[in-house]
Amino acid sequence: MTEQPEKEAWVSLPSSEEVLAQMPRNKPFPYDFGFISAMRRLLMAHDRIGPAMLSLFAQVMFEPGFLTRREREMVAAVAAAAQDCHY
């Protein structure tokens, strides 16, 4: 049995300009880093999954709950680091 080469996933990401054109102008974005993040571009790459993930993210991070906003951000950062997340 011959070993198959490992395949890498590839997604065509929208440009920063395309992302900016789709973002609402009258609603401030809670994560303004001065640039469009790769994660934001990734979420906008899929018309069906991206909005669902963004909606879920908004509920987890901004809706009332047991943890403070700071604690939620800390959990997200630790979870991302533990998974070696590049985004």
Protein backbone atom coordinates (compact mmCIF):
# COMPACT_ATOMS: atom_id res chain seq x y z
CA MET A 1 0.00 0.00 0.00
CA THR A 2 1.54 3.33 -1.06
CA GLU A 3 1.25 6.35 1.15
CA GLN A 4 -0.86 9.19 -0.25
CA PRO A 5 0.45 12.75 0.09
CA GLU A 6 -1.43 14.85 2.63
CA LYS A 7 -3.80 17.35 1.00
CA GLU A 8 -4.06 20.89 2.31
CA ALA A 9 -7.31 22.82 2.58
CA TRP A 10 -7.56 25.96 0.49
CA VAL A 11 -10.20 28.68 0.50
CA SER A 12 -10.26 31.76 -1.67
CA LEU A 13 -10.56 34.70 0.72
CA PRO A 14 -12.19 38.01 -0.20
CA SER A 15 -9.87 41.01 -0.30
CA SER A 16 -9.87 43.60 2.48
CA GLU A 17 -11.58 46.00 0.07
CA GLU A 18 -14.37 43.48 -0.61
CA VAL A 19 -14.89 42.95 3.12
CA LEU A 20 -15.01 46.70 3.81
CA ALA A 21 -17.56 47.17 1.03
CA GLN A 22 -19.89 44.66 2.70
CA MET A 23 -19.55 45.94 6.28
CA PRO A 24 -22.32 48.25 7.52
CA ARG A 25 -21.12 51.85 7.75
CA ASN A 26 -23.46 52.95 10.55
CA LYS A 27 -22.66 50.13 13.01
CA PRO A 28 -19.30 50.16 14.83
CA PHE A 29 -17.37 46.89 14.69
CA PRO A 30 -16.23 45.71 18.16
CA TYR A 31 -12.83 44.49 16.91
CA ASP A 32 -11.12 47.36 15.10
CA PHE A 33 -7.46 46.39 14.73
CA GLY A 34 -6.81 48.96 12.02
CA PHE A 35 -6.89 46.18 9.41
CA ILE A 36 -9.25 43.43 8.28
CA SER A 37 -8.34 40.22 10.11
CA ALA A 38 -7.82 36.94 8.31
CA MET A 39 -10.61 35.43 10.42
CA ARG A 40 -13.07 38.11 9.26
CA ARG A 41 -12.06 37.42 5.65
CA LEU A 42 -12.44 33.67 6.20
CA LEU A 43 -15.93 34.06 7.68
CA MET A 44 -16.99 36.19 4.72
CA ALA A 45 -15.68 33.61 2.23
CA HIS A 46 -18.76 31.40 2.61
CA ASP A 47 -22.20 32.95 2.06
CA ARG A 48 -24.10 30.47 4.25
CA ILE A 49 -21.70 29.34 6.98
CA GLY A 50 -19.99 32.71 7.62
CA PRO A 51 -23.12 34.61 8.73
CA ALA A 52 -24.21 31.70 10.95
CA MET A 53 -20.78 31.59 12.63
CA LEU A 54 -20.75 35.38 13.07
CA SER A 55 -24.22 35.25 14.63
CA LEU A 56 -23.19 32.50 17.04
CA PHE A 57 -19.99 34.40 17.89
CA ALA A 58 -22.02 37.55 18.64
CA GLN A 59 -24.30 35.62 20.97
CA VAL A 60 -21.42 33.98 22.83
CA MET A 61 -19.34 37.14 23.19
CA PHE A 62 -21.93 39.90 23.62
CA GLU A 63 -25.20 38.50 25.00
CA PRO A 64 -25.77 38.56 28.78
CA GLY A 65 -24.28 35.59 30.60
CA PHE A 66 -22.32 34.36 33.59
CA LEU A 67 -18.88 35.46 32.34
CA THR A 68 -17.78 39.05 31.86
CA ARG A 69 -16.67 40.23 28.42
CA ARG A 70 -13.03 40.14 29.59
CA GLU A 71 -13.40 36.57 30.82
CA ARG A 72 -14.98 35.52 27.52
CA GLU A 73 -12.11 37.08 25.57
CA MET A 74 -9.61 35.28 27.81
CA VAL A 75 -11.32 31.92 27.27
CA ALA A 76 -11.35 32.53 23.50
CA ALA A 77 -7.65 33.45 23.49
CA VAL A 78 -6.64 30.40 25.54
CA ALA A 79 -8.77 28.07 23.41
CA ALA A 80 -7.29 29.48 20.20
CA ALA A 81 -3.74 29.16 21.53
CA ALA A 82 -4.37 25.58 22.69
CA GLN A 83 -5.48 24.69 19.17
CA ASP A 84 -2.52 26.48 17.57
CA CYS A 85 -4.98 28.73 15.76
CA HIS A 86 -3.38 31.01 13.18
CA TYR A 87 -6.35 33.40 13.09
